[in-house]
Amino acid sequence: MKNQRNRYRFSNGLKTMPQIKTLPKIVILTGAGISAESGLKTFRDNDGLWENHSVEEVATPQAFENNPELVYRFYNARRAQLKDNQVSANKAHHALATLEQHWKEQLVLVTQNVDNLHESGGSERVLHMHGELLSARCSFSQQTFQWSESFDSNTACPCCSNKTLRPDIVWFGEMPMYMDEIMSHLSTADIFIAIGTSGNVYPAAGFVQLAKSAGAHTIEANLEPGSSNALFDESLTGLASEVVPKWVDDTIAQYTK
């Protein structure tokens, strides 16, 4: 595996101590497929509509400017769903949290999802590149605040007391979060795995190519192969709750035992 080095310690320059195994750096990208088994609704019907509105009408800066109350209602509904007793982290979320405990800073978890299921499953270091439902952002200062309740255009912002709060979500046409940090991690990855993502939406769709150019072993874990399947070295097909725990168990066994 790339960038693995044997580490030795010496005593008085005479005695070589046992080799310490170096863990490969793992970068994980997750998409909607990992949360699909957790009871989350998509809020979209077969025509790609939500309450007869296109997603572009509720998930763009222009939508927020033209009809803010509709946008507030959309995200308030999604935020409220996270409190539903039927919604909980699944085996895939828990498995990735277990892997994080073993890998520590050698593991980077990037998600396209705006839910909190990774955190509910036990993951502590998650980069939400598309924002978070349980967060609100001041439109002026860009400060963010943990927010679990509904809010709208009449809600006062904690930092300026003005009515400037917006959902802390990356909308179409906006730059995803943490991109410099993510690119840096991809450039030093030994293993890159994309879980439950179609591979259709950039910039995340280009992550596999960046990882491959850095020499990483690339893996796709999906219900069925995505559009960029040919770019991956390995493909795991099936429910995330089944293939991810097995991959985690195999990875831990390979590198830590």
Protein backbone atom coordinates (compact mmCIF):
# COMPACT_ATOMS: atom_id res chain seq x y z
CA MET A 1 0.00 0.00 0.00
CA LYS A 2 1.32 3.45 -0.89
CA ASN A 3 3.14 5.50 1.72
CA GLN A 4 3.46 2.62 4.15
CA ARG A 5 6.86 2.58 5.84
CA ASN A 6 8.44 0.11 8.20
CA ARG A 7 9.21 1.71 11.53
CA TYR A 8 12.07 0.45 13.69
CA ARG A 9 13.40 1.54 17.04
CA PHE A 10 16.97 1.05 18.11
CA SER A 11 18.60 0.58 21.51
CA ASN A 12 22.19 1.85 21.65
CA GLY A 13 22.37 1.24 17.91
CA LEU A 14 22.65 -2.49 18.52
CA LYS A 15 19.23 -4.00 18.89
CA THR A 16 16.30 -3.72 16.46
CA MET A 17 12.88 -3.68 18.09
CA PRO A 18 9.82 -5.39 16.55
CA GLN A 19 8.20 -3.72 13.54
CA ILE A 20 5.20 -1.51 14.22
CA LYS A 21 2.47 -1.83 11.61
CA THR A 22 1.59 1.44 9.88
CA LEU A 23 -2.08 1.97 9.10
CA PRO A 24 -2.96 3.13 5.58
CA LYS A 25 -4.72 6.46 5.30
CA ILE A 26 -8.38 5.89 4.45
CA VAL A 27 -10.63 8.55 2.91
CA ILE A 28 -14.33 7.68 2.92
CA LEU A 29 -17.04 9.43 0.90
CA THR A 30 -20.68 8.68 1.73
CA GLY A 31 -23.87 9.61 -0.08
CA ALA A 32 -27.61 9.11 0.23
CA GLY A 33 -27.32 5.34 -0.17
CA ILE A 34 -25.84 4.88 3.30
CA SER A 35 -28.82 6.60 4.93
CA ALA A 36 -31.50 4.99 2.77
CA GLU A 37 -31.92 2.11 5.24
CA SER A 38 -32.31 4.46 8.21
CA GLY A 39 -35.90 5.48 7.51
CA LEU A 40 -35.23 8.86 5.96
CA LYS A 41 -37.75 10.02 3.38
CA THR A 42 -36.47 11.63 0.23
CA PHE A 43 -39.24 14.27 0.17
CA ARG A 44 -39.45 13.64 -3.57
CA ASP A 45 -41.96 11.59 -5.54
CA ASN A 46 -41.30 9.66 -8.74
CA ASP A 47 -41.50 12.85 -10.78
CA GLY A 48 -38.70 14.44 -8.76
CA LEU A 49 -41.09 16.93 -7.20
CA TRP A 50 -41.75 18.02 -3.64
CA GLU A 51 -45.22 19.46 -3.01
CA ASN A 52 -45.37 20.14 -6.77
CA HIS A 53 -42.13 22.12 -6.66
CA SER A 54 -38.85 21.19 -8.34
CA VAL A 55 -35.82 20.78 -6.12
CA GLU A 56 -34.38 23.89 -7.81
CA GLU A 57 -37.26 25.84 -6.25
CA VAL A 58 -36.26 24.83 -2.73
CA ALA A 59 -32.51 24.27 -2.98
CA THR A 60 -30.96 27.28 -4.72
CA PRO A 61 -29.99 30.78 -3.55
CA GLN A 62 -32.54 32.13 -6.02
CA ALA A 63 -35.28 30.01 -4.46
CA PHE A 64 -34.44 31.39 -1.02
CA GLU A 65 -34.53 34.93 -2.37
CA ASN A 66 -37.80 34.45 -4.27
CA ASN A 67 -39.75 32.33 -1.78
CA PRO A 68 -37.90 32.04 1.55
CA GLU A 69 -40.88 30.67 3.48
CA LEU A 70 -41.15 27.68 1.14
CA VAL A 71 -37.43 26.98 1.61
CA TYR A 72 -37.73 27.32 5.39
CA ARG A 73 -40.66 24.89 5.43
CA PHE A 74 -38.76 22.37 3.33
CA TYR A 75 -35.76 22.25 5.66
CA ASN A 76 -37.85 22.50 8.82
CA ALA A 77 -39.66 19.36 7.69
CA ARG A 78 -36.42 17.55 6.98
CA ARG A 79 -34.97 18.66 10.32
CA ALA A 80 -38.05 17.47 12.17
CA GLN A 81 -37.78 14.06 10.54
CA LEU A 82 -34.45 13.45 12.25
CA LYS A 83 -36.36 13.36 15.56
CA ASP A 84 -38.63 10.57 14.33
CA ASN A 85 -38.21 7.40 16.38
CA GLN A 86 -38.22 5.44 13.11
CA VAL A 87 -35.04 7.21 11.97
CA SER A 88 -31.75 5.92 13.39
CA ALA A 89 -28.19 5.13 12.39
CA ASN A 90 -27.85 1.74 10.72
CA LYS A 91 -25.15 -0.94 10.79
CA ALA A 92 -23.11 0.85 8.12
CA HIS A 93 -22.93 4.05 10.19
CA HIS A 94 -21.93 2.10 13.30
CA ALA A 95 -19.30 0.13 11.37
CA LEU A 96 -17.60 3.31 10.10
CA ALA A 97 -17.54 4.65 13.67
CA THR A 98 -15.80 1.45 14.76
CA LEU A 99 -13.24 1.89 11.98
CA GLU A 100 -12.65 5.47 13.11
CA GLN A 101 -11.85 4.25 16.63
CA HIS A 102 -9.10 2.03 15.23
CA TRP A 103 -7.72 4.45 12.63
CA LYS A 104 -7.97 7.77 14.54
CA GLU A 105 -6.46 10.60 12.45
CA GLN A 106 -5.57 8.15 9.66
CA LEU A 107 -9.27 8.09 8.66
CA VAL A 108 -11.18 10.93 7.02
CA LEU A 109 -14.96 10.69 6.66
CA VAL A 110 -16.52 13.03 4.09
CA THR A 111 -20.28 12.96 3.56
CA GLN A 112 -22.60 14.48 1.02
CA ASN A 113 -25.46 13.89 3.45
CA VAL A 114 -26.91 16.69 5.58
CA ASP A 115 -28.38 14.37 8.22
CA ASN A 116 -26.69 13.55 11.55
CA LEU A 117 -26.69 9.76 11.21
CA HIS A 118 -22.91 9.41 11.13
CA GLU A 119 -22.71 11.28 14.42
CA SER A 120 -25.61 9.26 15.84
CA GLY A 121 -23.72 6.12 14.86
CA GLY A 122 -20.66 7.21 16.82
CA SER A 123 -18.43 9.01 14.29
CA GLU A 124 -16.78 12.07 15.78
CA ARG A 125 -14.84 13.58 12.87
CA VAL A 126 -17.18 14.14 9.92
CA LEU A 127 -16.78 16.65 7.11
CA HIS A 128 -20.27 17.61 5.88
CA MET A 129 -19.43 19.00 2.46
CA HIS A 130 -23.06 19.91 1.73
CA GLY A 131 -23.85 21.35 5.15
CA GLU A 132 -25.97 20.13 8.05
CA LEU A 133 -29.67 20.11 8.82
CA LEU A 134 -29.00 20.60 12.54
CA SER A 135 -27.27 23.89 11.94
CA ALA A 136 -28.25 27.44 11.02
CA ARG A 137 -26.10 30.10 9.38
CA CYS A 138 -26.10 33.87 9.54
CA SER A 139 -26.36 35.23 6.01
CA PHE A 140 -24.15 38.20 6.90
CA SER A 141 -21.40 36.93 9.22
CA GLN A 142 -21.49 33.29 7.98
CA GLN A 143 -21.31 32.14 11.60
CA THR A 144 -23.03 28.82 12.22
CA PHE A 145 -25.06 27.63 15.18
CA GLN A 146 -26.29 24.24 16.30
CA TRP A 147 -30.04 24.30 15.65
CA SER A 148 -32.49 21.47 16.18
CA GLU A 149 -35.79 23.40 16.09
CA SER A 150 -37.71 25.04 13.27
CA PHE A 151 -36.85 28.60 12.28
CA ASP A 152 -37.99 31.08 9.64
CA SER A 153 -37.65 34.67 8.47
CA ASN A 154 -38.87 35.95 11.85
CA THR A 155 -36.19 34.15 13.87
CA ALA A 156 -33.51 36.42 15.36
CA CYS A 157 -29.91 35.50 14.64
CA PRO A 158 -27.82 34.80 17.79
CA CYS A 159 -24.82 36.78 16.51
CA CYS A 160 -26.47 39.97 15.25
CA SER A 161 -30.10 39.78 16.48
CA ASN A 162 -31.26 40.46 12.93
CA LYS A 163 -33.52 38.18 10.91
CA THR A 164 -30.70 36.81 8.81
CA LEU A 165 -30.69 33.07 9.52
CA ARG A 166 -30.70 30.62 6.62
CA PRO A 167 -30.37 26.83 6.50
CA ASP A 168 -26.71 25.79 6.81
CA ILE A 169 -26.98 23.88 3.55
CA VAL A 170 -24.96 24.07 0.34
CA TRP A 171 -27.46 24.80 -2.39
CA PHE A 172 -27.08 24.26 -6.12
CA GLY A 173 -24.70 26.91 -7.42
CA GLU A 174 -22.81 27.24 -4.12
CA MET A 175 -19.34 25.92 -3.31
CA PRO A 176 -19.24 22.76 -1.17
CA MET A 177 -17.59 23.09 2.23
CA TYR A 178 -14.11 21.92 3.30
CA MET A 179 -12.92 21.50 -0.29
CA ASP A 180 -9.29 22.49 0.35
CA GLU A 181 -9.12 20.10 3.29
CA ILE A 182 -10.78 17.29 1.34
CA MET A 183 -8.46 17.71 -1.65
CA SER A 184 -5.45 17.62 0.65
CA HIS A 185 -6.63 14.35 2.21
CA LEU A 186 -7.33 12.79 -1.18
CA SER A 187 -3.81 13.62 -2.33
CA THR A 188 -2.36 11.52 0.52
CA ALA A 189 -4.92 8.69 0.56
CA ASP A 190 -3.87 5.04 0.50
CA ILE A 191 -7.47 3.78 0.30
CA PHE A 192 -10.50 5.64 -1.02
CA ILE A 193 -13.98 4.17 -0.68
CA ALA A 194 -17.21 5.75 -1.96
CA ILE A 195 -20.32 4.40 -0.24
CA GLY A 196 -23.89 4.91 -1.45
CA THR A 197 -23.19 7.66 -3.95
CA SER A 198 -24.06 7.65 -7.65
CA GLY A 199 -20.91 9.37 -8.83
CA ASN A 200 -22.92 11.81 -10.95
CA VAL A 201 -22.52 15.08 -9.05
CA TYR A 202 -19.31 17.11 -9.10
CA PRO A 203 -17.05 17.88 -7.38
CA ALA A 204 -17.56 14.65 -5.37
CA ALA A 205 -17.77 12.64 -8.60
CA GLY A 206 -14.14 13.54 -9.28
CA PHE A 207 -12.80 12.35 -5.93
CA VAL A 208 -12.05 8.84 -7.19
CA GLN A 209 -9.85 10.23 -9.97
CA LEU A 210 -7.96 12.44 -7.54
CA ALA A 211 -7.40 9.51 -5.19
CA LYS A 212 -6.29 7.24 -8.03
CA SER A 213 -3.81 9.84 -9.25
CA ALA A 214 -2.34 9.80 -5.73
CA GLY A 215 -1.91 6.03 -5.95
CA ALA A 216 -4.80 5.04 -3.70
CA HIS A 217 -6.66 1.75 -3.96
CA THR A 218 -10.22 2.77 -4.85
CA ILE A 219 -13.42 0.99 -3.83
CA GLU A 220 -17.07 1.54 -4.68
CA ALA A 221 -19.77 0.23 -2.32
CA ASN A 222 -23.23 0.64 -3.80
CA LEU A 223 -26.58 -1.05 -4.17
CA GLU A 224 -25.68 -1.28 -7.85
CA PRO A 225 -22.64 0.02 -9.78
CA GLY A 226 -22.64 3.78 -10.28
CA SER A 227 -21.91 5.70 -13.46
CA SER A 228 -18.20 5.93 -12.62
CA ASN A 229 -17.83 2.26 -11.65
CA ALA A 230 -15.08 1.66 -14.22
CA LEU A 231 -12.81 4.10 -12.37
CA PHE A 232 -12.74 1.96 -9.21
CA ASP A 233 -10.30 -0.85 -8.55
CA GLU A 234 -12.85 -2.81 -6.53
CA SER A 235 -16.65 -2.91 -6.38
CA LEU A 236 -18.81 -4.03 -3.46
CA THR A 237 -22.47 -4.47 -4.43
CA GLY A 238 -25.36 -4.74 -1.98
CA LEU A 239 -27.05 -3.00 0.92
CA ALA A 240 -24.76 -0.63 2.79
CA SER A 241 -25.77 -2.26 6.08
CA GLU A 242 -24.35 -5.53 4.78
CA VAL A 243 -21.31 -4.69 2.64
CA VAL A 244 -19.88 -1.88 4.79
CA PRO A 245 -19.65 -3.82 8.10
CA LYS A 246 -17.99 -6.72 6.27
CA TRP A 247 -15.49 -4.41 4.59
CA VAL A 248 -14.74 -2.75 7.94
CA ASP A 249 -14.22 -6.12 9.65
CA ASP A 250 -11.93 -7.29 6.84
CA THR A 251 -9.96 -4.04 6.89
CA ILE A 252 -9.45 -4.12 10.64
CA ALA A 253 -8.39 -7.76 10.48
CA GLN A 254 -5.94 -7.08 7.65
CA TYR A 255 -4.16 -4.12 9.15
CA THR A 256 -4.44 -4.41 12.93
CA LYS A 257 -4.17 -8.11 13.70
